[in-house]
Amino acid sequence: MTHKLSKTDRIMKTIRHIPMGKVASYGQIADLAGLPGRARLVGKVLREADAELSLPWHRVLRSSGLLAFAKGTKQAIAQSELLQKEGVLISHCRVKLDHFGWRPSIETLMMLGF
């Protein structure tokens, strides 16, 4: 018998697979977790996640490449600093997705297995 993961667990598992130095959008995470059209659910899961889970929340951005938080807020500054420590370049609160966007390998997709 196969154990079926909850939507929340699928989202968290997918976020954990984003490698250092790469970013993904809320919509991409939803799609990869087998939940197309559920980008807002990804945001909700991240907001409600316990900090002890150590999810790499800072690697999840808006679909345009913009940081997830309003410019100048404590969260935006933290997200920017964490991404820069990983070598992700940010210009005008935006990341170039064509360069830093996560493109999971077929092996990673199979490992996610949704």
PDB file of N, CA and C in Angstrom:
ATOM      1  N   MET A   1       0.839  -1.186   0.000  1.00  0.00           N
ATOM      2  CA  MET A   1       0.000   0.000   0.000  1.00  0.00           C
ATOM      3  C   MET A   1       0.881   1.245   0.000  1.00  0.00           C
ATOM      4  N   THR A   2       0.602   2.195  -0.875  1.00  0.00           N
ATOM      5  CA  THR A   2       1.372   3.421  -0.996  1.00  0.00           C
ATOM      6  C   THR A   2       0.770   4.492  -0.101  1.00  0.00           C
ATOM      7  N   HIS A   3       1.643   5.170   0.644  1.00  0.00           N
ATOM      8  CA  HIS A   3       1.192   6.275   1.489  1.00  0.00           C
ATOM      9  C   HIS A   3       1.065   7.523   0.626  1.00  0.00           C
ATOM     10  N   LYS A   4      -0.091   8.126   0.633  1.00  0.00           N
ATOM     11  CA  LYS A   4      -0.339   9.318  -0.167  1.00  0.00           C
ATOM     12  C   LYS A   4      -0.047  10.561   0.676  1.00  0.00           C
ATOM     13  N   LEU A   5       0.804  11.430   0.157  1.00  0.00           N
ATOM     14  CA  LEU A   5       1.153  12.653   0.873  1.00  0.00           C
ATOM     15  C   LEU A   5       0.021  13.675   0.767  1.00  0.00           C
ATOM     16  N   SER A   6      -0.125  14.466   1.818  1.00  0.00           N
ATOM     17  CA  SER A   6      -1.099  15.557   1.799  1.00  0.00           C
ATOM     18  C   SER A   6      -0.603  16.650   0.847  1.00  0.00           C
ATOM     19  N   LYS A   7      -1.481  17.555   0.481  1.00  0.00           N
ATOM     20  CA  LYS A   7      -1.092  18.678  -0.379  1.00  0.00           C
ATOM     21  C   LYS A   7       0.033  19.473   0.263  1.00  0.00           C
ATOM     22  N   THR A   8      -0.082  19.721   1.555  1.00  0.00           N
ATOM     23  CA  THR A   8       0.947  20.474   2.276  1.00  0.00           C
ATOM     24  C   THR A   8       2.284  19.754   2.216  1.00  0.00           C
ATOM     25  N   ASP A   9       2.288  18.462   2.461  1.00  0.00           N
ATOM     26  CA  ASP A   9       3.532  17.693   2.422  1.00  0.00           C
ATOM     27  C   ASP A   9       4.137  17.681   1.024  1.00  0.00           C
ATOM     28  N   ARG A  10       3.302  17.604  -0.007  1.00  0.00           N
ATOM     29  CA  ARG A  10       3.801  17.616  -1.381  1.00  0.00           C
ATOM     30  C   ARG A  10       4.466  18.947  -1.697  1.00  0.00           C
ATOM     31  N   ILE A  11       3.860  20.032  -1.243  1.00  0.00           N
ATOM     32  CA  ILE A  11       4.433  21.364  -1.465  1.00  0.00           C
ATOM     33  C   ILE A  11       5.760  21.488  -0.718  1.00  0.00           C
ATOM     34  N   MET A  12       5.788  21.089   0.531  1.00  0.00           N
ATOM     35  CA  MET A  12       7.021  21.205   1.315  1.00  0.00           C
ATOM     36  C   MET A  12       8.128  20.327   0.730  1.00  0.00           C
ATOM     37  N   LYS A  13       7.798  19.132   0.296  1.00  0.00           N
ATOM     38  CA  LYS A  13       8.785  18.243  -0.314  1.00  0.00           C
ATOM     39  C   LYS A  13       9.372  18.884  -1.571  1.00  0.00           C
ATOM     40  N   THR A  14       8.527  19.503  -2.376  1.00  0.00           N
ATOM     41  CA  THR A  14       8.987  20.151  -3.598  1.00  0.00           C
ATOM     42  C   THR A  14       9.901  21.325  -3.281  1.00  0.00           C
ATOM     43  N   ILE A  15       9.524  22.157  -2.327  1.00  0.00           N
ATOM     44  CA  ILE A  15      10.340  23.315  -1.951  1.00  0.00           C
ATOM     45  C   ILE A  15      11.707  22.859  -1.444  1.00  0.00           C
ATOM     46  N   ARG A  16      11.746  21.775  -0.693  1.00  0.00           N
ATOM     47  CA  ARG A  16      13.027  21.270  -0.173  1.00  0.00           C
ATOM     48  C   ARG A  16      13.981  20.851  -1.284  1.00  0.00           C
ATOM     49  N   HIS A  17      13.466  20.565  -2.465  1.00  0.00           N
ATOM     50  CA  HIS A  17      14.311  20.134  -3.569  1.00  0.00           C
ATOM     51  C   HIS A  17      14.893  21.283  -4.389  1.00  0.00           C
ATOM     52  N   ILE A  18      14.472  22.524  -4.133  1.00  0.00           N
ATOM     53  CA  ILE A  18      15.050  23.656  -4.872  1.00  0.00           C
ATOM     54  C   ILE A  18      16.509  23.781  -4.428  1.00  0.00           C
ATOM     55  N   PRO A  19      17.441  23.652  -5.360  1.00  0.00           N
ATOM     56  CA  PRO A  19      18.853  23.709  -4.963  1.00  0.00           C
ATOM     57  C   PRO A  19      19.322  25.119  -4.614  1.00  0.00           C
ATOM     58  N   MET A  20      20.385  25.171  -3.841  1.00  0.00           N
ATOM     59  CA  MET A  20      21.002  26.461  -3.512  1.00  0.00           C
ATOM     60  C   MET A  20      21.352  27.176  -4.804  1.00  0.00           C
ATOM     61  N   GLY A  21      21.134  28.487  -4.813  1.00  0.00           N
ATOM     62  CA  GLY A  21      21.474  29.289  -5.974  1.00  0.00           C
ATOM     63  C   GLY A  21      20.423  29.279  -7.069  1.00  0.00           C
ATOM     64  N   LYS A  22      19.299  28.614  -6.815  1.00  0.00           N
ATOM     65  CA  LYS A  22      18.198  28.566  -7.774  1.00  0.00           C
ATOM     66  C   LYS A  22      16.920  29.042  -7.107  1.00  0.00           C
ATOM     67  N   VAL A  23      15.971  29.485  -7.916  1.00  0.00           N
ATOM     68  CA  VAL A  23      14.684  29.954  -7.404  1.00  0.00           C
ATOM     69  C   VAL A  23      13.558  29.329  -8.224  1.00  0.00           C
ATOM     70  N   ALA A  24      12.369  29.333  -7.650  1.00  0.00           N
ATOM     71  CA  ALA A  24      11.173  28.836  -8.330  1.00  0.00           C
ATOM     72  C   ALA A  24      10.004  29.742  -7.957  1.00  0.00           C
ATOM     73  N   SER A  25       9.019  29.780  -8.825  1.00  0.00           N
ATOM     74  CA  SER A  25       7.831  30.585  -8.538  1.00  0.00           C
ATOM     75  C   SER A  25       6.815  29.760  -7.755  1.00  0.00           C
ATOM     76  N   TYR A  26       5.892  30.446  -7.136  1.00  0.00           N
ATOM     77  CA  TYR A  26       4.813  29.770  -6.412  1.00  0.00           C
ATOM     78  C   TYR A  26       4.064  28.826  -7.345  1.00  0.00           C
ATOM     79  N   GLY A  27       3.793  29.294  -8.556  1.00  0.00           N
ATOM     80  CA  GLY A  27       3.070  28.478  -9.529  1.00  0.00           C
ATOM     81  C   GLY A  27       3.860  27.260  -9.962  1.00  0.00           C
ATOM     82  N   GLN A  28       5.160  27.421 -10.142  1.00  0.00           N
ATOM     83  CA  GLN A  28       6.004  26.290 -10.524  1.00  0.00           C
ATOM     84  C   GLN A  28       6.002  25.235  -9.428  1.00  0.00           C
ATOM     85  N   ILE A  29       6.089  25.671  -8.183  1.00  0.00           N
ATOM     86  CA  ILE A  29       6.057  24.721  -7.062  1.00  0.00           C
ATOM     87  C   ILE A  29       4.727  23.976  -7.059  1.00  0.00           C
ATOM     88  N   ALA A  30       3.637  24.706  -7.244  1.00  0.00           N
ATOM     89  CA  ALA A  30       2.321  24.063  -7.282  1.00  0.00           C
ATOM     90  C   ALA A  30       2.253  23.040  -8.406  1.00  0.00           C
ATOM     91  N   ASP A  31       2.716  23.408  -9.590  1.00  0.00           N
ATOM     92  CA  ASP A  31       2.701  22.488 -10.731  1.00  0.00           C
ATOM     93  C   ASP A  31       3.527  21.239 -10.441  1.00  0.00           C
ATOM     94  N   LEU A  32       4.749  21.434  -9.930  1.00  0.00           N
ATOM     95  CA  LEU A  32       5.631  20.297  -9.656  1.00  0.00           C
ATOM     96  C   LEU A  32       5.089  19.398  -8.550  1.00  0.00           C
ATOM     97  N   ALA A  33       4.313  19.987  -7.645  1.00  0.00           N
ATOM     98  CA  ALA A  33       3.713  19.205  -6.556  1.00  0.00           C
ATOM     99  C   ALA A  33       2.428  18.509  -7.003  1.00  0.00           C
ATOM    100  N   GLY A  34       2.084  18.654  -8.295  1.00  0.00           N
ATOM    101  CA  GLY A  34       0.879  18.024  -8.812  1.00  0.00           C
ATOM    102  C   GLY A  34      -0.385  18.776  -8.456  1.00  0.00           C
ATOM    103  N   LEU A  35      -0.232  20.090  -8.226  1.00  0.00           N
ATOM    104  CA  LEU A  35      -1.360  20.935  -7.823  1.00  0.00           C
ATOM    105  C   LEU A  35      -1.458  22.162  -8.737  1.00  0.00           C
ATOM    106  N   PRO A  36      -1.638  21.951 -10.041  1.00  0.00           N
ATOM    107  CA  PRO A  36      -1.670  23.096 -10.959  1.00  0.00           C
ATOM    108  C   PRO A  36      -2.740  24.112 -10.563  1.00  0.00           C
ATOM    109  N   GLY A  37      -2.353  25.382 -10.715  1.00  0.00           N
ATOM    110  CA  GLY A  37      -3.290  26.457 -10.389  1.00  0.00           C
ATOM    111  C   GLY A  37      -3.406  26.759  -8.905  1.00  0.00           C
ATOM    112  N   ARG A  38      -2.564  26.154  -8.097  1.00  0.00           N
ATOM    113  CA  ARG A  38      -2.670  26.335  -6.643  1.00  0.00           C
ATOM    114  C   ARG A  38      -1.507  27.141  -6.060  1.00  0.00           C
ATOM    115  N   ALA A  39      -1.037  28.152  -6.785  1.00  0.00           N
ATOM    116  CA  ALA A  39       0.071  28.991  -6.328  1.00  0.00           C
ATOM    117  C   ALA A  39      -0.225  29.630  -4.976  1.00  0.00           C
ATOM    118  N   ARG A  40      -1.462  30.047  -4.772  1.00  0.00           N
ATOM    119  CA  ARG A  40      -1.815  30.678  -3.489  1.00  0.00           C
ATOM    120  C   ARG A  40      -1.717  29.686  -2.332  1.00  0.00           C
ATOM    121  N   LEU A  41      -1.989  28.428  -2.613  1.00  0.00           N
ATOM    122  CA  LEU A  41      -1.847  27.402  -1.580  1.00  0.00           C
ATOM    123  C   LEU A  41      -0.380  27.267  -1.173  1.00  0.00           C
ATOM    124  N   VAL A  42       0.530  27.389  -2.139  1.00  0.00           N
ATOM    125  CA  VAL A  42       1.960  27.343  -1.826  1.00  0.00           C
ATOM    126  C   VAL A  42       2.304  28.482  -0.869  1.00  0.00           C
ATOM    127  N   GLY A  43       1.812  29.672  -1.150  1.00  0.00           N
ATOM    128  CA  GLY A  43       2.045  30.812  -0.259  1.00  0.00           C
ATOM    129  C   GLY A  43       1.487  30.570   1.128  1.00  0.00           C
ATOM    130  N   LYS A  44       0.305  29.991   1.193  1.00  0.00           N
ATOM    131  CA  LYS A  44      -0.322  29.692   2.483  1.00  0.00           C
ATOM    132  C   LYS A  44       0.509  28.684   3.269  1.00  0.00           C
ATOM    133  N   VAL A  45       0.975  27.649   2.589  1.00  0.00           N
ATOM    134  CA  VAL A  45       1.802  26.634   3.257  1.00  0.00           C
ATOM    135  C   VAL A  45       3.070  27.277   3.803  1.00  0.00           C
ATOM    136  N   LEU A  46       3.699  28.137   3.025  1.00  0.00           N
ATOM    137  CA  LEU A  46       4.919  28.795   3.486  1.00  0.00           C
ATOM    138  C   LEU A  46       4.643  29.713   4.676  1.00  0.00           C
ATOM    139  N   ARG A  47       3.539  30.451   4.626  1.00  0.00           N
ATOM    140  CA  ARG A  47       3.190  31.347   5.746  1.00  0.00           C
ATOM    141  C   ARG A  47       2.959  30.569   7.027  1.00  0.00           C
ATOM    142  N   GLU A  48       2.337  29.402   6.904  1.00  0.00           N
ATOM    143  CA  GLU A  48       1.950  28.640   8.085  1.00  0.00           C
ATOM    144  C   GLU A  48       3.000  27.623   8.529  1.00  0.00           C
ATOM    145  N   ALA A  49       4.062  27.465   7.752  1.00  0.00           N
ATOM    146  CA  ALA A  49       5.080  26.457   8.068  1.00  0.00           C
ATOM    147  C   ALA A  49       5.843  26.845   9.328  1.00  0.00           C
ATOM    148  N   ASP A  50       6.105  25.875  10.143  1.00  0.00           N
ATOM    149  CA  ASP A  50       6.890  26.055  11.355  1.00  0.00           C
ATOM    150  C   ASP A  50       8.332  26.367  10.960  1.00  0.00           C
ATOM    151  N   ALA A  51       8.917  27.370  11.564  1.00  0.00           N
ATOM    152  CA  ALA A  51      10.299  27.754  11.245  1.00  0.00           C
ATOM    153  C   ALA A  51      11.269  26.600  11.464  1.00  0.00           C
ATOM    154  N   GLU A  52      10.937  25.692  12.365  1.00  0.00           N
ATOM    155  CA  GLU A  52      11.815  24.557  12.652  1.00  0.00           C
ATOM    156  C   GLU A  52      11.919  23.589  11.484  1.00  0.00           C
ATOM    157  N   LEU A  53      11.023  23.696  10.516  1.00  0.00           N
ATOM    158  CA  LEU A  53      11.072  22.810   9.354  1.00  0.00           C
ATOM    159  C   LEU A  53      12.227  23.153   8.415  1.00  0.00           C
ATOM    160  N   SER A  54      12.789  24.338   8.587  1.00  0.00           N
ATOM    161  CA  SER A  54      13.927  24.789   7.777  1.00  0.00           C
ATOM    162  C   SER A  54      13.670  24.702   6.275  1.00  0.00           C
ATOM    163  N   LEU A  55      12.503  25.109   5.856  1.00  0.00           N
ATOM    164  CA  LEU A  55      12.212  25.162   4.417  1.00  0.00           C
ATOM    165  C   LEU A  55      12.988  26.321   3.791  1.00  0.00           C
ATOM    166  N   PRO A  56      13.544  26.126   2.598  1.00  0.00           N
ATOM    167  CA  PRO A  56      14.228  27.235   1.928  1.00  0.00           C
ATOM    168  C   PRO A  56      13.221  28.196   1.276  1.00  0.00           C
ATOM    169  N   TRP A  57      12.402  28.827   2.103  1.00  0.00           N
ATOM    170  CA  TRP A  57      11.321  29.710   1.672  1.00  0.00           C
ATOM    171  C   TRP A  57      11.824  30.837   0.788  1.00  0.00           C
ATOM    172  N   HIS A  58      13.054  31.265   1.044  1.00  0.00           N
ATOM    173  CA  HIS A  58      13.611  32.412   0.324  1.00  0.00           C
ATOM    174  C   HIS A  58      13.819  32.120  -1.162  1.00  0.00           C
ATOM    175  N   ARG A  59      13.789  30.861  -1.563  1.00  0.00           N
ATOM    176  CA  ARG A  59      13.981  30.488  -2.971  1.00  0.00           C
ATOM    177  C   ARG A  59      12.686  30.522  -3.778  1.00  0.00           C
ATOM    178  N   VAL A  60      11.576  30.884  -3.139  1.00  0.00           N
ATOM    179  CA  VAL A  60      10.280  30.930  -3.824  1.00  0.00           C
ATOM    180  C   VAL A  60       9.909  32.395  -4.078  1.00  0.00           C
ATOM    181  N   LEU A  61       9.684  32.706  -5.356  1.00  0.00           N
ATOM    182  CA  LEU A  61       9.422  34.076  -5.799  1.00  0.00           C
ATOM    183  C   LEU A  61       8.116  34.166  -6.563  1.00  0.00           C
ATOM    184  N   ARG A  62       7.754  35.375  -6.909  1.00  0.00           N
ATOM    185  CA  ARG A  62       6.610  35.586  -7.797  1.00  0.00           C
ATOM    186  C   ARG A  62       6.980  35.121  -9.205  1.00  0.00           C
ATOM    187  N   SER A  63       5.995  34.861 -10.011  1.00  0.00           N
ATOM    188  CA  SER A  63       6.239  34.332 -11.357  1.00  0.00           C
ATOM    189  C   SER A  63       7.025  35.298 -12.243  1.00  0.00           C
ATOM    190  N   SER A  64       7.027  36.563 -11.901  1.00  0.00           N
ATOM    191  CA  SER A  64       7.771  37.572 -12.660  1.00  0.00           C
ATOM    192  C   SER A  64       9.238  37.639 -12.242  1.00  0.00           C
ATOM    193  N   GLY A  65       9.598  36.904 -11.199  1.00  0.00           N
ATOM    194  CA  GLY A  65      10.957  36.966 -10.668  1.00  0.00           C
ATOM    195  C   GLY A  65      11.106  37.954  -9.531  1.00  0.00           C
ATOM    196  N   LEU A  66      10.034  38.674  -9.217  1.00  0.00           N
ATOM    197  CA  LEU A  66      10.075  39.616  -8.100  1.00  0.00           C
ATOM    198  C   LEU A  66      10.153  38.864  -6.773  1.00  0.00           C
ATOM    199  N   LEU A  67      10.829  39.488  -5.820  1.00  0.00           N
ATOM    200  CA  LEU A  67      10.841  38.926  -4.477  1.00  0.00           C
ATOM    201  C   LEU A  67       9.409  38.806  -3.989  1.00  0.00           C
ATOM    202  N   ALA A  68       9.190  37.906  -3.065  1.00  0.00           N
ATOM    203  CA  ALA A  68       7.838  37.594  -2.610  1.00  0.00           C
ATOM    204  C   ALA A  68       7.230  38.665  -1.716  1.00  0.00           C
ATOM    205  N   PHE A  69       8.062  39.569  -1.210  1.00  0.00           N
ATOM    206  CA  PHE A  69       7.578  40.555  -0.238  1.00  0.00           C
ATOM    207  C   PHE A  69       7.778  41.976  -0.764  1.00  0.00           C
ATOM    208  N   ALA A  70       7.023  42.900  -0.219  1.00  0.00           N
ATOM    209  CA  ALA A  70       7.101  44.298  -0.641  1.00  0.00           C
ATOM    210  C   ALA A  70       8.494  44.868  -0.358  1.00  0.00           C
ATOM    211  N   LYS A  71       8.981  45.663  -1.286  1.00  0.00           N
ATOM    212  CA  LYS A  71      10.303  46.273  -1.200  1.00  0.00           C
ATOM    213  C   LYS A  71      10.485  46.995   0.135  1.00  0.00           C
ATOM    214  N   GLY A  72      11.630  46.767   0.758  1.00  0.00           N
ATOM    215  CA  GLY A  72      11.973  47.459   1.997  1.00  0.00           C
ATOM    216  C   GLY A  72      11.458  46.811   3.267  1.00  0.00           C
ATOM    217  N   THR A  73      10.595  45.809   3.147  1.00  0.00           N
ATOM    218  CA  THR A  73      10.094  45.148   4.358  1.00  0.00           C
ATOM    219  C   THR A  73      11.173  44.233   4.934  1.00  0.00           C
ATOM    220  N   LYS A  74      11.013  43.897   6.187  1.00  0.00           N
ATOM    221  CA  LYS A  74      11.962  43.013   6.867  1.00  0.00           C
ATOM    222  C   LYS A  74      12.089  41.680   6.134  1.00  0.00           C
ATOM    223  N   GLN A  75      10.956  41.159   5.671  1.00  0.00           N
ATOM    224  CA  GLN A  75      10.967  39.875   4.966  1.00  0.00           C
ATOM    225  C   GLN A  75      11.690  39.982   3.623  1.00  0.00           C
ATOM    226  N   ALA A  76      11.467  41.086   2.892  1.00  0.00           N
ATOM    227  CA  ALA A  76      12.126  41.275   1.591  1.00  0.00           C
ATOM    228  C   ALA A  76      13.634  41.395   1.760  1.00  0.00           C
ATOM    229  N   ILE A  77      14.042  42.098   2.794  1.00  0.00           N
ATOM    230  CA  ILE A  77      15.476  42.248   3.062  1.00  0.00           C
ATOM    231  C   ILE A  77      16.090  40.894   3.415  1.00  0.00           C
ATOM    232  N   ALA A  78      15.407  40.120   4.246  1.00  0.00           N
ATOM    233  CA  ALA A  78      15.900  38.786   4.622  1.00  0.00           C
ATOM    234  C   ALA A  78      15.971  37.884   3.397  1.00  0.00           C
ATOM    235  N   GLN A  79      14.931  37.904   2.550  1.00  0.00           N
ATOM    236  CA  GLN A  79      14.918  37.070   1.356  1.00  0.00           C
ATOM    237  C   GLN A  79      16.075  37.451   0.432  1.00  0.00           C
ATOM    238  N   SER A  80      16.259  38.731   0.238  1.00  0.00           N
ATOM    239  CA  SER A  80      17.330  39.217  -0.621  1.00  0.00           C
ATOM    240  C   SER A  80      18.697  38.801  -0.082  1.00  0.00           C
ATOM    241  N   GLU A  81      18.921  38.963   1.194  1.00  0.00           N
ATOM    242  CA  GLU A  81      20.208  38.600   1.794  1.00  0.00           C
ATOM    243  C   GLU A  81      20.484  37.108   1.673  1.00  0.00           C
ATOM    244  N   LEU A  82      19.485  36.283   1.945  1.00  0.00           N
ATOM    245  CA  LEU A  82      19.668  34.832   1.843  1.00  0.00           C
ATOM    246  C   LEU A  82      19.976  34.406   0.408  1.00  0.00           C
ATOM    247  N   LEU A  83      19.268  34.978  -0.552  1.00  0.00           N
ATOM    248  CA  LEU A  83      19.526  34.636  -1.953  1.00  0.00           C
ATOM    249  C   LEU A  83      20.917  35.096  -2.389  1.00  0.00           C
ATOM    250  N   GLN A  84      21.302  36.291  -1.975  1.00  0.00           N
ATOM    251  CA  GLN A  84      22.619  36.801  -2.359  1.00  0.00           C
ATOM    252  C   GLN A  84      23.738  35.941  -1.768  1.00  0.00           C
ATOM    253  N   LYS A  85      23.536  35.427  -0.563  1.00  0.00           N
ATOM    254  CA  LYS A  85      24.534  34.526   0.039  1.00  0.00           C
ATOM    255  C   LYS A  85      24.706  33.262  -0.791  1.00  0.00           C
ATOM    256  N   GLU A  86      23.671  32.889  -1.542  1.00  0.00           N
ATOM    257  CA  GLU A  86      23.718  31.699  -2.397  1.00  0.00           C
ATOM    258  C   GLU A  86      24.186  32.038  -3.817  1.00  0.00           C
ATOM    259  N   GLY A  87      24.530  33.302  -4.051  1.00  0.00           N
ATOM    260  CA  GLY A  87      25.031  33.698  -5.359  1.00  0.00           C
ATOM    261  C   GLY A  87      23.967  34.136  -6.344  1.00  0.00           C
ATOM    262  N   VAL A  88      22.740  34.290  -5.878  1.00  0.00           N
ATOM    263  CA  VAL A  88      21.647  34.738  -6.759  1.00  0.00           C
ATOM    264  C   VAL A  88      21.703  36.265  -6.852  1.00  0.00           C
ATOM    265  N   LEU A  89      21.791  36.776  -8.076  1.00  0.00           N
ATOM    266  CA  LEU A  89      21.839  38.212  -8.287  1.00  0.00           C
ATOM    267  C   LEU A  89      20.433  38.785  -8.295  1.00  0.00           C
ATOM    268  N   ILE A  90      20.280  39.909  -7.602  1.00  0.00           N
ATOM    269  CA  ILE A  90      18.982  40.582  -7.500  1.00  0.00           C
ATOM    270  C   ILE A  90      19.169  42.016  -7.966  1.00  0.00           C
ATOM    271  N   SER A  91      18.328  42.435  -8.881  1.00  0.00           N
ATOM    272  CA  SER A  91      18.362  43.804  -9.375  1.00  0.00           C
ATOM    273  C   SER A  91      16.948  44.361  -9.339  1.00  0.00           C
ATOM    274  N   HIS A  92      16.775  45.462  -8.627  1.00  0.00           N
ATOM    275  CA  HIS A  92      15.461  46.093  -8.492  1.00  0.00           C
ATOM    276  C   HIS A  92      14.437  45.094  -7.955  1.00  0.00           C
ATOM    277  N   CYS A  93      14.828  44.349  -6.927  1.00  0.00           N
ATOM    278  CA  CYS A  93      13.958  43.364  -6.256  1.00  0.00           C
ATOM    279  C   CYS A  93      13.527  42.231  -7.183  1.00  0.00           C
ATOM    280  N   ARG A  94      14.290  41.978  -8.228  1.00  0.00           N
ATOM    281  CA  ARG A  94      13.923  40.965  -9.212  1.00  0.00           C
ATOM    282  C   ARG A  94      15.116  40.060  -9.498  1.00  0.00           C
ATOM    283  N   VAL A  95      14.797  38.789  -9.717  1.00  0.00           N
ATOM    284  CA  VAL A  95      15.788  37.788 -10.089  1.00  0.00           C
ATOM    285  C   VAL A  95      15.533  37.400 -11.543  1.00  0.00           C
ATOM    286  N   LYS A  96      16.579  37.264 -12.323  1.00  0.00           N
ATOM    287  CA  LYS A  96      16.428  36.824 -13.713  1.00  0.00           C
ATOM    288  C   LYS A  96      16.171  35.319 -13.721  1.00  0.00           C
ATOM    289  N   LEU A  97      14.937  34.960 -13.990  1.00  0.00           N
ATOM    290  CA  LEU A  97      14.542  33.556 -13.950  1.00  0.00           C
ATOM    291  C   LEU A  97      15.209  32.733 -15.040  1.00  0.00           C
ATOM    292  N   ASP A  98      15.541  33.367 -16.170  1.00  0.00           N
ATOM    293  CA  ASP A  98      16.194  32.603 -17.233  1.00  0.00           C
ATOM    294  C   ASP A  98      17.589  32.139 -16.814  1.00  0.00           C
ATOM    295  N   HIS A  99      18.168  32.792 -15.826  1.00  0.00           N
ATOM    296  CA  HIS A  99      19.497  32.404 -15.343  1.00  0.00           C
ATOM    297  C   HIS A  99      19.436  31.623 -14.030  1.00  0.00           C
ATOM    298  N   PHE A 100      18.597  32.062 -13.098  1.00  0.00           N
ATOM    299  CA  PHE A 100      18.564  31.465 -11.763  1.00  0.00           C
ATOM    300  C   PHE A 100      17.340  30.584 -11.512  1.00  0.00           C
ATOM    301  N   GLY A 101      16.457  30.484 -12.497  1.00  0.00           N
ATOM    302  CA  GLY A 101      15.259  29.665 -12.325  1.00  0.00           C
ATOM    303  C   GLY A 101      15.600  28.177 -12.259  1.00  0.00           C
ATOM    304  N   TRP A 102      14.923  27.485 -11.384  1.00  0.00           N
ATOM    305  CA  TRP A 102      15.136  26.047 -11.187  1.00  0.00           C
ATOM    306  C   TRP A 102      14.483  25.269 -12.314  1.00  0.00           C
ATOM    307  N   ARG A 103      15.262  24.433 -12.956  1.00  0.00           N
ATOM    308  CA  ARG A 103      14.767  23.511 -13.981  1.00  0.00           C
ATOM    309  C   ARG A 103      15.123  22.113 -13.515  1.00  0.00           C
ATOM    310  N   PRO A 104      14.219  21.478 -12.782  1.00  0.00           N
ATOM    311  CA  PRO A 104      14.555  20.163 -12.214  1.00  0.00           C
ATOM    312  C   PRO A 104      14.849  19.121 -13.286  1.00  0.00           C
ATOM    313  N   SER A 105      15.805  18.289 -12.981  1.00  0.00           N
ATOM    314  CA  SER A 105      16.160  17.193 -13.886  1.00  0.00           C
ATOM    315  C   SER A 105      15.055  16.137 -13.861  1.00  0.00           C
ATOM    316  N   ILE A 106      15.094  15.251 -14.829  1.00  0.00           N
ATOM    317  CA  ILE A 106      14.119  14.158 -14.863  1.00  0.00           C
ATOM    318  C   ILE A 106      14.267  13.285 -13.620  1.00  0.00           C
ATOM    319  N   GLU A 107      15.499  13.144 -13.130  1.00  0.00           N
ATOM    320  CA  GLU A 107      15.723  12.355 -11.906  1.00  0.00           C
ATOM    321  C   GLU A 107      15.022  12.995 -10.708  1.00  0.00           C
ATOM    322  N   THR A 108      15.122  14.319 -10.607  1.00  0.00           N
ATOM    323  CA  THR A 108      14.451  15.026  -9.510  1.00  0.00           C
ATOM    324  C   THR A 108      12.939  14.888  -9.639  1.00  0.00           C
ATOM    325  N   LEU A 109      12.431  15.030 -10.854  1.00  0.00           N
ATOM    326  CA  LEU A 109      10.991  14.899 -11.061  1.00  0.00           C
ATOM    327  C   LEU A 109      10.515  13.509 -10.666  1.00  0.00           C
ATOM    328  N   MET A 110      11.301  12.508 -10.995  1.00  0.00           N
ATOM    329  CA  MET A 110      10.935  11.137 -10.628  1.00  0.00           C
ATOM    330  C   MET A 110      10.999  10.945  -9.112  1.00  0.00           C
ATOM    331  N   MET A 111      11.979  11.595  -8.482  1.00  0.00           N
ATOM    332  CA  MET A 111      12.101  11.496  -7.030  1.00  0.00           C
ATOM    333  C   MET A 111      10.906  12.148  -6.333  1.00  0.00           C
ATOM    334  N   LEU A 112      10.433  13.261  -6.910  1.00  0.00           N
ATOM    335  CA  LEU A 112       9.255  13.916  -6.334  1.00  0.00           C
ATOM    336  C   LEU A 112       8.058  12.987  -6.462  1.00  0.00           C
ATOM    337  N   GLY A 113       7.936  12.336  -7.598  1.00  0.00           N
ATOM    338  CA  GLY A 113       6.972  11.275  -7.807  1.00  0.00           C
ATOM    339  C   GLY A 113       5.509  11.565  -7.562  1.00  0.00           C
ATOM    340  N   PHE A 114       5.069  12.756  -7.902  1.00  0.00           N
ATOM    341  CA  PHE A 114       3.649  13.058  -7.679  1.00  0.00           C
ATOM    342  C   PHE A 114       2.863  12.672  -8.886  1.00  0.00           C
TER     343      PHE A 114
END
